[in-house]
Amino acid sequence: FDWGIGAIWGASPYATNVTESWNNRVTNCNTGIMVYNDSYPVFGS
């Protein structure tokens, strides 16, 4: 995709605590995670 995961205009999604060895895999996109316009996702803590 152009963006793999997008959070814009006040969006605040998050990734959960998973016990497996991987979480989201984003490949072959223009931008993996795009964030703007009053959005505060949690994907990297």
All heavy atoms as atom14 arrays in JSON, in Angstrom:
{
  "sequence": "FDWGIGAIWGASPYATNVTESWNNRVTNCNTGIMVYNDSYPVFGS",
  "atom14_mask": [
    [1, 1, 1, 1, 1, 1, 1, 1, 1, 1, 1, 0, 0, 0],
    [1, 1, 1, 1, 1, 1, 1, 1, 0, 0, 0, 0, 0, 0],
    [1, 1, 1, 1, 1, 1, 1, 1, 1, 1, 1, 1, 1, 1],
    [1, 1, 1, 1, 0, 0, 0, 0, 0, 0, 0, 0, 0, 0],
    [1, 1, 1, 1, 1, 1, 1, 1, 0, 0, 0, 0, 0, 0],
    [1, 1, 1, 1, 0, 0, 0, 0, 0, 0, 0, 0, 0, 0],
    [1, 1, 1, 1, 1, 0, 0, 0, 0, 0, 0, 0, 0, 0],
    [1, 1, 1, 1, 1, 1, 1, 1, 0, 0, 0, 0, 0, 0],
    [1, 1, 1, 1, 1, 1, 1, 1, 1, 1, 1, 1, 1, 1],
    [1, 1, 1, 1, 0, 0, 0, 0, 0, 0, 0, 0, 0, 0],
    [1, 1, 1, 1, 1, 0, 0, 0, 0, 0, 0, 0, 0, 0],
    [1, 1, 1, 1, 1, 1, 0, 0, 0, 0, 0, 0, 0, 0],
    [1, 1, 1, 1, 1, 1, 1, 0, 0, 0, 0, 0, 0, 0],
    [1, 1, 1, 1, 1, 1, 1, 1, 1, 1, 1, 1, 0, 0],
    [1, 1, 1, 1, 1, 0, 0, 0, 0, 0, 0, 0, 0, 0],
    [1, 1, 1, 1, 1, 1, 1, 0, 0, 0, 0, 0, 0, 0],
    [1, 1, 1, 1, 1, 1, 1, 1, 0, 0, 0, 0, 0, 0],
    [1, 1, 1, 1, 1, 1, 1, 0, 0, 0, 0, 0, 0, 0],
    [1, 1, 1, 1, 1, 1, 1, 0, 0, 0, 0, 0, 0, 0],
    [1, 1, 1, 1, 1, 1, 1, 1, 1, 0, 0, 0, 0, 0],
    [1, 1, 1, 1, 1, 1, 0, 0, 0, 0, 0, 0, 0, 0],
    [1, 1, 1, 1, 1, 1, 1, 1, 1, 1, 1, 1, 1, 1],
    [1, 1, 1, 1, 1, 1, 1, 1, 0, 0, 0, 0, 0, 0],
    [1, 1, 1, 1, 1, 1, 1, 1, 0, 0, 0, 0, 0, 0],
    [1, 1, 1, 1, 1, 1, 1, 1, 1, 1, 1, 0, 0, 0],
    [1, 1, 1, 1, 1, 1, 1, 0, 0, 0, 0, 0, 0, 0],
    [1, 1, 1, 1, 1, 1, 1, 0, 0, 0, 0, 0, 0, 0],
    [1, 1, 1, 1, 1, 1, 1, 1, 0, 0, 0, 0, 0, 0],
    [1, 1, 1, 1, 1, 1, 0, 0, 0, 0, 0, 0, 0, 0],
    [1, 1, 1, 1, 1, 1, 1, 1, 0, 0, 0, 0, 0, 0],
    [1, 1, 1, 1, 1, 1, 1, 0, 0, 0, 0, 0, 0, 0],
    [1, 1, 1, 1, 0, 0, 0, 0, 0, 0, 0, 0, 0, 0],
    [1, 1, 1, 1, 1, 1, 1, 1, 0, 0, 0, 0, 0, 0],
    [1, 1, 1, 1, 1, 1, 1, 1, 0, 0, 0, 0, 0, 0],
    [1, 1, 1, 1, 1, 1, 1, 0, 0, 0, 0, 0, 0, 0],
    [1, 1, 1, 1, 1, 1, 1, 1, 1, 1, 1, 1, 0, 0],
    [1, 1, 1, 1, 1, 1, 1, 1, 0, 0, 0, 0, 0, 0],
    [1, 1, 1, 1, 1, 1, 1, 1, 0, 0, 0, 0, 0, 0],
    [1, 1, 1, 1, 1, 1, 0, 0, 0, 0, 0, 0, 0, 0],
    [1, 1, 1, 1, 1, 1, 1, 1, 1, 1, 1, 1, 0, 0],
    [1, 1, 1, 1, 1, 1, 1, 0, 0, 0, 0, 0, 0, 0],
    [1, 1, 1, 1, 1, 1, 1, 0, 0, 0, 0, 0, 0, 0],
    [1, 1, 1, 1, 1, 1, 1, 1, 1, 1, 1, 0, 0, 0],
    [1, 1, 1, 1, 0, 0, 0, 0, 0, 0, 0, 0, 0, 0],
    [1, 1, 1, 1, 1, 1, 0, 0, 0, 0, 0, 0, 0, 0]
  ],
  "atom14_positions": [
    [[0.82, -1.2, 0.0], [0.0, 0.0, 0.0], [0.86, 1.26, 0.0], [2.06, 1.2, 0.26], [-0.92, 0.02, 1.23], [-2.07, -0.93, 1.14], [-1.93, -2.25, 1.55], [-3.29, -0.52, 0.65], [-2.99, -3.13, 1.48], [-4.36, -1.39, 0.57], [-4.2, -2.7, 0.99], [0.0, 0.0, 0.0], [0.0, 0.0, 0.0], [0.0, 0.0, 0.0]],
    [[0.24, 2.41, -0.24], [0.93, 3.68, -0.08], [1.35, 3.81, 1.39], [2.51, 4.07, 1.69], [0.04, 4.83, -0.53], [0.8, 6.13, -0.64], [2.0, 6.1, -0.95], [0.18, 7.19, -0.43], [0.0, 0.0, 0.0], [0.0, 0.0, 0.0], [0.0, 0.0, 0.0], [0.0, 0.0, 0.0], [0.0, 0.0, 0.0], [0.0, 0.0, 0.0]],
    [[0.4, 3.64, 2.31], [0.69, 3.57, 3.74], [0.27, 2.19, 4.22], [-0.84, 1.74, 3.92], [-0.09, 4.58, 4.55], [0.01, 6.01, 4.16], [0.92, 6.61, 3.32], [-0.85, 7.05, 4.61], [0.68, 7.95, 3.24], [-0.42, 8.25, 4.02], [-1.93, 7.09, 5.46], [-1.03, 9.46, 4.24], [-2.55, 8.29, 5.69], [-2.1, 9.48, 5.09]],
    [[1.09, 1.54, 5.01], [0.7, 0.25, 5.58], [-0.39, 0.43, 6.62], [-1.48, -0.13, 6.52], [0.0, 0.0, 0.0], [0.0, 0.0, 0.0], [0.0, 0.0, 0.0], [0.0, 0.0, 0.0], [0.0, 0.0, 0.0], [0.0, 0.0, 0.0], [0.0, 0.0, 0.0], [0.0, 0.0, 0.0], [0.0, 0.0, 0.0], [0.0, 0.0, 0.0]],
    [[-0.09, 1.23, 7.66], [-1.05, 1.55, 8.72], [-1.08, 3.06, 8.85], [-0.02, 3.7, 8.95], [-0.66, 0.9, 10.06], [-0.62, -0.63, 9.92], [-1.64, 1.31, 11.16], [-0.06, -1.35, 11.13], [0.0, 0.0, 0.0], [0.0, 0.0, 0.0], [0.0, 0.0, 0.0], [0.0, 0.0, 0.0], [0.0, 0.0, 0.0], [0.0, 0.0, 0.0]],
    [[-2.26, 3.66, 8.84], [-2.4, 5.1, 8.95], [-3.22, 5.49, 10.17], [-4.2, 4.82, 10.51], [0.0, 0.0, 0.0], [0.0, 0.0, 0.0], [0.0, 0.0, 0.0], [0.0, 0.0, 0.0], [0.0, 0.0, 0.0], [0.0, 0.0, 0.0], [0.0, 0.0, 0.0], [0.0, 0.0, 0.0], [0.0, 0.0, 0.0], [0.0, 0.0, 0.0]],
    [[-2.79, 6.56, 10.84], [-3.54, 7.13, 11.97], [-3.58, 8.64, 11.75], [-2.57, 9.32, 11.91], [-2.87, 6.79, 13.29], [0.0, 0.0, 0.0], [0.0, 0.0, 0.0], [0.0, 0.0, 0.0], [0.0, 0.0, 0.0], [0.0, 0.0, 0.0], [0.0, 0.0, 0.0], [0.0, 0.0, 0.0], [0.0, 0.0, 0.0], [0.0, 0.0, 0.0]],
    [[-4.75, 9.15, 11.35], [-4.88, 10.57, 11.07], [-6.19, 11.11, 11.63], [-7.1, 10.37, 11.94], [-4.78, 10.88, 9.55], [-5.98, 10.36, 8.79], [-3.5, 10.3, 8.97], [-6.05, 10.86, 7.36], [0.0, 0.0, 0.0], [0.0, 0.0, 0.0], [0.0, 0.0, 0.0], [0.0, 0.0, 0.0], [0.0, 0.0, 0.0], [0.0, 0.0, 0.0]],
    [[-6.26, 12.44, 11.75], [-7.45, 13.15, 12.2], [-8.01, 12.6, 13.51], [-9.15, 12.16, 13.6], [-8.53, 13.18, 11.12], [-8.09, 13.93, 9.91], [-7.78, 13.41, 8.69], [-7.88, 15.34, 9.8], [-7.39, 14.4, 7.83], [-7.44, 15.62, 8.49], [-8.0, 16.41, 10.7], [-7.12, 16.89, 8.06], [-7.69, 17.68, 10.25], [-7.26, 17.9, 8.94]],
    [[-7.16, 12.6, 14.55], [-7.62, 12.25, 15.89], [-7.73, 10.76, 16.14], [-8.48, 10.34, 17.02], [0.0, 0.0, 0.0], [0.0, 0.0, 0.0], [0.0, 0.0, 0.0], [0.0, 0.0, 0.0], [0.0, 0.0, 0.0], [0.0, 0.0, 0.0], [0.0, 0.0, 0.0], [0.0, 0.0, 0.0], [0.0, 0.0, 0.0], [0.0, 0.0, 0.0]],
    [[-7.0, 9.95, 15.42], [-7.04, 8.5, 15.61], [-5.94, 8.05, 16.57], [-4.83, 8.55, 16.51], [-6.87, 7.8, 14.27], [0.0, 0.0, 0.0], [0.0, 0.0, 0.0], [0.0, 0.0, 0.0], [0.0, 0.0, 0.0], [0.0, 0.0, 0.0], [0.0, 0.0, 0.0], [0.0, 0.0, 0.0], [0.0, 0.0, 0.0], [0.0, 0.0, 0.0]],
    [[-6.25, 7.1, 17.43], [-5.27, 6.63, 18.41], [-5.32, 5.11, 18.57], [-5.63, 4.6, 19.64], [-5.5, 7.32, 19.76], [-5.28, 8.7, 19.62], [0.0, 0.0, 0.0], [0.0, 0.0, 0.0], [0.0, 0.0, 0.0], [0.0, 0.0, 0.0], [0.0, 0.0, 0.0], [0.0, 0.0, 0.0], [0.0, 0.0, 0.0], [0.0, 0.0, 0.0]],
    [[-5.02, 4.37, 17.52], [-4.97, 2.9, 17.65], [-3.71, 2.47, 18.39], [-2.8, 3.27, 18.62], [-4.94, 2.43, 16.2], [-4.22, 3.53, 15.48], [-4.67, 4.8, 16.16], [0.0, 0.0, 0.0], [0.0, 0.0, 0.0], [0.0, 0.0, 0.0], [0.0, 0.0, 0.0], [0.0, 0.0, 0.0], [0.0, 0.0, 0.0], [0.0, 0.0, 0.0]],
    [[-3.64, 1.2, 18.73], [-2.45, 0.69, 19.39], [-2.23, -0.78, 19.03], [-3.14, -1.48, 18.6], [-2.54, 0.86, 20.91], [-3.72, 0.17, 21.56], [-3.57, -1.08, 22.13], [-4.98, 0.78, 21.6], [-4.65, -1.72, 22.73], [-6.05, 0.15, 22.2], [-5.89, -1.1, 22.76], [-6.95, -1.72, 23.35], [0.0, 0.0, 0.0], [0.0, 0.0, 0.0]],
    [[-1.0, -1.2, 19.2], [-0.65, -2.61, 19.07], [-0.76, -3.22, 20.45], [-0.49, -2.56, 21.45], [0.77, -2.75, 18.53], [0.0, 0.0, 0.0], [0.0, 0.0, 0.0], [0.0, 0.0, 0.0], [0.0, 0.0, 0.0], [0.0, 0.0, 0.0], [0.0, 0.0, 0.0], [0.0, 0.0, 0.0], [0.0, 0.0, 0.0], [0.0, 0.0, 0.0]],
    [[-1.18, -4.45, 20.53], [-1.33, -5.1, 21.83], [-0.07, -5.85, 22.21], [0.78, -6.11, 21.39], [-2.5, -6.1, 21.81], [-2.23, -7.08, 20.81], [-3.81, -5.41, 21.55], [0.0, 0.0, 0.0], [0.0, 0.0, 0.0], [0.0, 0.0, 0.0], [0.0, 0.0, 0.0], [0.0, 0.0, 0.0], [0.0, 0.0, 0.0], [0.0, 0.0, 0.0]],
    [[-0.01, -6.22, 23.44], [1.08, -7.04, 23.94], [0.82, -8.47, 23.48], [-0.09, -9.12, 23.94], [1.11, -6.95, 25.47], [2.3, -7.65, 26.06], [3.07, -8.28, 25.35], [2.45, -7.53, 27.36], [0.0, 0.0, 0.0], [0.0, 0.0, 0.0], [0.0, 0.0, 0.0], [0.0, 0.0, 0.0], [0.0, 0.0, 0.0], [0.0, 0.0, 0.0]],
    [[1.61, -8.94, 22.54], [1.44, -10.3, 22.02], [2.58, -11.17, 22.53], [3.67, -10.69, 22.8], [1.4, -10.32, 20.47], [0.19, -9.58, 19.96], [2.66, -9.74, 19.88], [0.0, 0.0, 0.0], [0.0, 0.0, 0.0], [0.0, 0.0, 0.0], [0.0, 0.0, 0.0], [0.0, 0.0, 0.0], [0.0, 0.0, 0.0], [0.0, 0.0, 0.0]],
    [[2.32, -12.45, 22.67], [3.35, -13.34, 23.19], [4.13, -14.04, 22.08], [5.14, -14.66, 22.33], [2.71, -14.43, 24.09], [1.72, -15.14, 23.32], [2.07, -13.78, 25.31], [0.0, 0.0, 0.0], [0.0, 0.0, 0.0], [0.0, 0.0, 0.0], [0.0, 0.0, 0.0], [0.0, 0.0, 0.0], [0.0, 0.0, 0.0], [0.0, 0.0, 0.0]],
    [[3.67, -13.91, 20.84], [4.38, -14.51, 19.73], [5.61, -13.67, 19.4], [5.81, -12.59, 19.91], [3.46, -14.59, 18.5], [2.26, -15.51, 18.68], [1.12, -14.86, 19.43], [1.23, -13.69, 19.83], [0.1, -15.52, 19.64], [0.0, 0.0, 0.0], [0.0, 0.0, 0.0], [0.0, 0.0, 0.0], [0.0, 0.0, 0.0], [0.0, 0.0, 0.0]],
    [[6.44, -14.16, 18.48], [7.69, -13.49, 18.18], [7.55, -12.32, 17.22], [8.54, -11.7, 16.88], [8.69, -14.5, 17.61], [8.18, -15.04, 16.42], [0.0, 0.0, 0.0], [0.0, 0.0, 0.0], [0.0, 0.0, 0.0], [0.0, 0.0, 0.0], [0.0, 0.0, 0.0], [0.0, 0.0, 0.0], [0.0, 0.0, 0.0], [0.0, 0.0, 0.0]],
    [[6.36, -12.01, 16.75], [6.17, -10.86, 15.86], [4.82, -10.22, 16.13], [3.91, -10.83, 16.67], [6.31, -11.25, 14.4], [5.27, -12.24, 13.91], [5.31, -13.59, 14.04], [4.04, -11.93, 13.24], [4.19, -14.14, 13.49], [3.4, -13.15, 12.99], [3.44, -10.75, 12.82], [2.17, -13.23, 12.34], [2.22, -10.83, 12.17], [1.6, -12.05, 11.94]],
    [[4.74, -8.96, 15.73], [3.48, -8.24, 15.84], [3.05, -7.9, 14.42], [2.95, -8.8, 13.6], [3.66, -7.0, 16.72], [2.36, -6.53, 17.33], [1.3, -6.78, 16.8], [2.43, -5.86, 18.46], [0.0, 0.0, 0.0], [0.0, 0.0, 0.0], [0.0, 0.0, 0.0], [0.0, 0.0, 0.0], [0.0, 0.0, 0.0], [0.0, 0.0, 0.0]],
    [[2.82, -6.65, 14.09], [2.47, -6.29, 12.71], [3.71, -6.39, 11.82], [4.8, -6.01, 12.23], [1.93, -4.86, 12.66], [0.62, -4.73, 13.4], [-0.36, -5.33, 13.03], [0.63, -3.94, 14.47], [0.0, 0.0, 0.0], [0.0, 0.0, 0.0], [0.0, 0.0, 0.0], [0.0, 0.0, 0.0], [0.0, 0.0, 0.0], [0.0, 0.0, 0.0]],
    [[3.5, -6.9, 10.6], [4.56, -6.91, 9.59], [4.09, -6.04, 8.45], [3.04, -6.32, 7.85], [4.83, -8.32, 9.08], [5.5, -9.2, 10.09], [5.9, -10.51, 9.49], [4.71, -11.3, 9.2], [4.69, -12.61, 9.11], [5.8, -13.3, 9.28], [3.58, -13.25, 8.84], [0.0, 0.0, 0.0], [0.0, 0.0, 0.0], [0.0, 0.0, 0.0]],
    [[4.84, -4.99, 8.14], [4.47, -4.06, 7.08], [5.59, -4.08, 6.05], [6.73, -3.73, 6.37], [4.26, -2.63, 7.63], [3.84, -1.69, 6.53], [3.21, -2.64, 8.76], [0.0, 0.0, 0.0], [0.0, 0.0, 0.0], [0.0, 0.0, 0.0], [0.0, 0.0, 0.0], [0.0, 0.0, 0.0], [0.0, 0.0, 0.0], [0.0, 0.0, 0.0]],
    [[5.27, -4.48, 4.82], [6.29, -4.62, 3.79], [5.83, -4.01, 2.47], [4.63, -3.92, 2.18], [6.63, -6.11, 3.54], [5.46, -6.8, 3.12], [7.18, -6.76, 4.79], [0.0, 0.0, 0.0], [0.0, 0.0, 0.0], [0.0, 0.0, 0.0], [0.0, 0.0, 0.0], [0.0, 0.0, 0.0], [0.0, 0.0, 0.0], [0.0, 0.0, 0.0]],
    [[6.8, -3.59, 1.68], [6.58, -3.09, 0.31], [5.56, -1.96, 0.23], [4.77, -1.89, -0.71], [6.18, -4.24, -0.61], [7.26, -5.29, -0.69], [8.43, -4.97, -0.85], [6.87, -6.54, -0.56], [0.0, 0.0, 0.0], [0.0, 0.0, 0.0], [0.0, 0.0, 0.0], [0.0, 0.0, 0.0], [0.0, 0.0, 0.0], [0.0, 0.0, 0.0]],
    [[5.58, -1.07, 1.2], [4.7, 0.11, 1.21], [5.55, 1.37, 1.0], [6.75, 1.36, 1.24], [3.95, 0.22, 2.54], [2.78, -1.12, 2.84], [0.0, 0.0, 0.0], [0.0, 0.0, 0.0], [0.0, 0.0, 0.0], [0.0, 0.0, 0.0], [0.0, 0.0, 0.0], [0.0, 0.0, 0.0], [0.0, 0.0, 0.0], [0.0, 0.0, 0.0]],
    [[4.9, 2.44, 0.59], [5.61, 3.71, 0.53], [6.01, 4.14, 1.94], [7.16, 4.46, 2.21], [4.76, 4.77, -0.16], [5.51, 6.07, -0.36], [6.72, 6.08, -0.53], [4.79, 7.16, -0.34], [0.0, 0.0, 0.0], [0.0, 0.0, 0.0], [0.0, 0.0, 0.0], [0.0, 0.0, 0.0], [0.0, 0.0, 0.0], [0.0, 0.0, 0.0]],
    [[5.05, 4.13, 2.88], [5.3, 4.46, 4.28], [4.69, 3.37, 5.15], [3.51, 3.06, 5.01], [4.7, 5.82, 4.66], [5.22, 6.81, 3.77], [5.03, 6.19, 6.09], [0.0, 0.0, 0.0], [0.0, 0.0, 0.0], [0.0, 0.0, 0.0], [0.0, 0.0, 0.0], [0.0, 0.0, 0.0], [0.0, 0.0, 0.0], [0.0, 0.0, 0.0]],
    [[5.47, 2.79, 6.05], [4.97, 1.72, 6.91], [3.86, 2.18, 7.84], [2.75, 1.66, 7.8], [0.0, 0.0, 0.0], [0.0, 0.0, 0.0], [0.0, 0.0, 0.0], [0.0, 0.0, 0.0], [0.0, 0.0, 0.0], [0.0, 0.0, 0.0], [0.0, 0.0, 0.0], [0.0, 0.0, 0.0], [0.0, 0.0, 0.0], [0.0, 0.0, 0.0]],
    [[4.14, 3.18, 8.7], [3.13, 3.78, 9.57], [3.15, 5.28, 9.33], [4.2, 5.92, 9.44], [3.39, 3.5, 11.06], [3.22, 1.99, 11.35], [2.44, 4.3, 11.94], [3.51, 1.62, 12.79], [0.0, 0.0, 0.0], [0.0, 0.0, 0.0], [0.0, 0.0, 0.0], [0.0, 0.0, 0.0], [0.0, 0.0, 0.0], [0.0, 0.0, 0.0]],
    [[1.99, 5.86, 9.01], [1.84, 7.3, 8.79], [0.97, 7.87, 9.91], [-0.1, 7.32, 10.2], [1.18, 7.58, 7.44], [0.79, 9.03, 7.22], [2.19, 10.15, 7.13], [2.66, 9.95, 5.43], [0.0, 0.0, 0.0], [0.0, 0.0, 0.0], [0.0, 0.0, 0.0], [0.0, 0.0, 0.0], [0.0, 0.0, 0.0], [0.0, 0.0, 0.0]],
    [[1.44, 8.96, 10.54], [0.72, 9.58, 11.65], [0.68, 11.08, 11.44], [1.72, 11.7, 11.21], [1.42, 9.29, 13.0], [0.66, 9.95, 14.15], [1.56, 7.79, 13.24], [0.0, 0.0, 0.0], [0.0, 0.0, 0.0], [0.0, 0.0, 0.0], [0.0, 0.0, 0.0], [0.0, 0.0, 0.0], [0.0, 0.0, 0.0], [0.0, 0.0, 0.0]],
    [[-0.54, 11.69, 11.5], [-0.64, 13.15, 11.51], [-2.01, 13.61, 11.96], [-2.92, 12.81, 12.17], [-0.23, 13.76, 10.18], [-1.11, 13.52, 8.97], [-2.16, 14.37, 8.67], [-0.86, 12.47, 8.11], [-2.95, 14.17, 7.54], [-1.62, 12.27, 6.98], [-2.67, 13.12, 6.7], [-3.44, 12.92, 5.59], [0.0, 0.0, 0.0], [0.0, 0.0, 0.0]],
    [[-2.13, 14.93, 12.14], [-3.36, 15.62, 12.51], [-3.99, 15.12, 13.8], [-5.04, 14.5, 13.8], [-4.4, 15.56, 11.38], [-4.02, 16.48, 10.26], [-2.86, 16.55, 9.88], [-4.98, 17.21, 9.74], [0.0, 0.0, 0.0], [0.0, 0.0, 0.0], [0.0, 0.0, 0.0], [0.0, 0.0, 0.0], [0.0, 0.0, 0.0], [0.0, 0.0, 0.0]],
    [[-3.33, 15.42, 14.93], [-3.89, 15.17, 16.25], [-4.09, 13.69, 16.54], [-5.05, 13.3, 17.19], [-5.2, 15.95, 16.43], [-5.55, 16.19, 17.88], [-4.63, 16.21, 18.72], [-6.75, 16.34, 18.18], [0.0, 0.0, 0.0], [0.0, 0.0, 0.0], [0.0, 0.0, 0.0], [0.0, 0.0, 0.0], [0.0, 0.0, 0.0], [0.0, 0.0, 0.0]],
    [[-3.18, 12.86, 16.08], [-3.25, 11.42, 16.31], [-2.08, 10.96, 17.17], [-0.97, 11.46, 17.03], [-3.24, 10.68, 14.97], [-4.39, 11.02, 14.24], [0.0, 0.0, 0.0], [0.0, 0.0, 0.0], [0.0, 0.0, 0.0], [0.0, 0.0, 0.0], [0.0, 0.0, 0.0], [0.0, 0.0, 0.0], [0.0, 0.0, 0.0], [0.0, 0.0, 0.0]],
    [[-2.35, 9.99, 18.04], [-1.34, 9.52, 18.97], [-1.39, 7.99, 19.12], [-1.73, 7.46, 20.17], [-1.52, 10.19, 20.34], [-1.28, 11.67, 20.28], [-2.33, 12.55, 20.01], [0.0, 12.18, 20.44], [-2.1, 13.92, 19.92], [0.24, 13.55, 20.35], [-0.82, 14.41, 20.1], [-0.58, 15.75, 20.0], [0.0, 0.0, 0.0], [0.0, 0.0, 0.0]],
    [[-1.06, 7.27, 18.07], [-1.08, 5.81, 18.18], [0.09, 5.29, 19.02], [1.09, 5.97, 19.2], [-0.93, 5.35, 16.72], [-0.2, 6.46, 16.06], [-0.66, 7.72, 16.74], [0.0, 0.0, 0.0], [0.0, 0.0, 0.0], [0.0, 0.0, 0.0], [0.0, 0.0, 0.0], [0.0, 0.0, 0.0], [0.0, 0.0, 0.0], [0.0, 0.0, 0.0]],
    [[-0.07, 4.07, 19.52], [0.96, 3.4, 20.3], [1.36, 2.14, 19.55], [0.66, 1.13, 19.58], [0.47, 3.06, 21.72], [1.54, 2.31, 22.5], [0.04, 4.31, 22.46], [0.0, 0.0, 0.0], [0.0, 0.0, 0.0], [0.0, 0.0, 0.0], [0.0, 0.0, 0.0], [0.0, 0.0, 0.0], [0.0, 0.0, 0.0], [0.0, 0.0, 0.0]],
    [[2.48, 2.22, 18.83], [3.0, 1.08, 18.09], [4.45, 0.81, 18.38], [5.02, -0.12, 17.83], [2.85, 1.31, 16.57], [1.46, 1.09, 16.08], [0.61, 2.15, 15.88], [1.01, -0.19, 15.82], [-0.67, 1.94, 15.43], [-0.28, -0.41, 15.38], [-1.13, 0.66, 15.18], [0.0, 0.0, 0.0], [0.0, 0.0, 0.0], [0.0, 0.0, 0.0]],
    [[5.07, 1.59, 19.24], [6.5, 1.43, 19.41], [7.0, 1.39, 20.83], [8.18, 1.3, 21.06], [0.0, 0.0, 0.0], [0.0, 0.0, 0.0], [0.0, 0.0, 0.0], [0.0, 0.0, 0.0], [0.0, 0.0, 0.0], [0.0, 0.0, 0.0], [0.0, 0.0, 0.0], [0.0, 0.0, 0.0], [0.0, 0.0, 0.0], [0.0, 0.0, 0.0]],
    [[6.13, 1.49, 21.84], [6.6, 1.46, 23.22], [7.36, 0.18, 23.48], [6.98, -0.88, 23.03], [5.42, 1.55, 24.2], [4.79, 2.8, 24.08], [0.0, 0.0, 0.0], [0.0, 0.0, 0.0], [0.0, 0.0, 0.0], [0.0, 0.0, 0.0], [0.0, 0.0, 0.0], [0.0, 0.0, 0.0], [0.0, 0.0, 0.0], [0.0, 0.0, 0.0]]
  ]
}
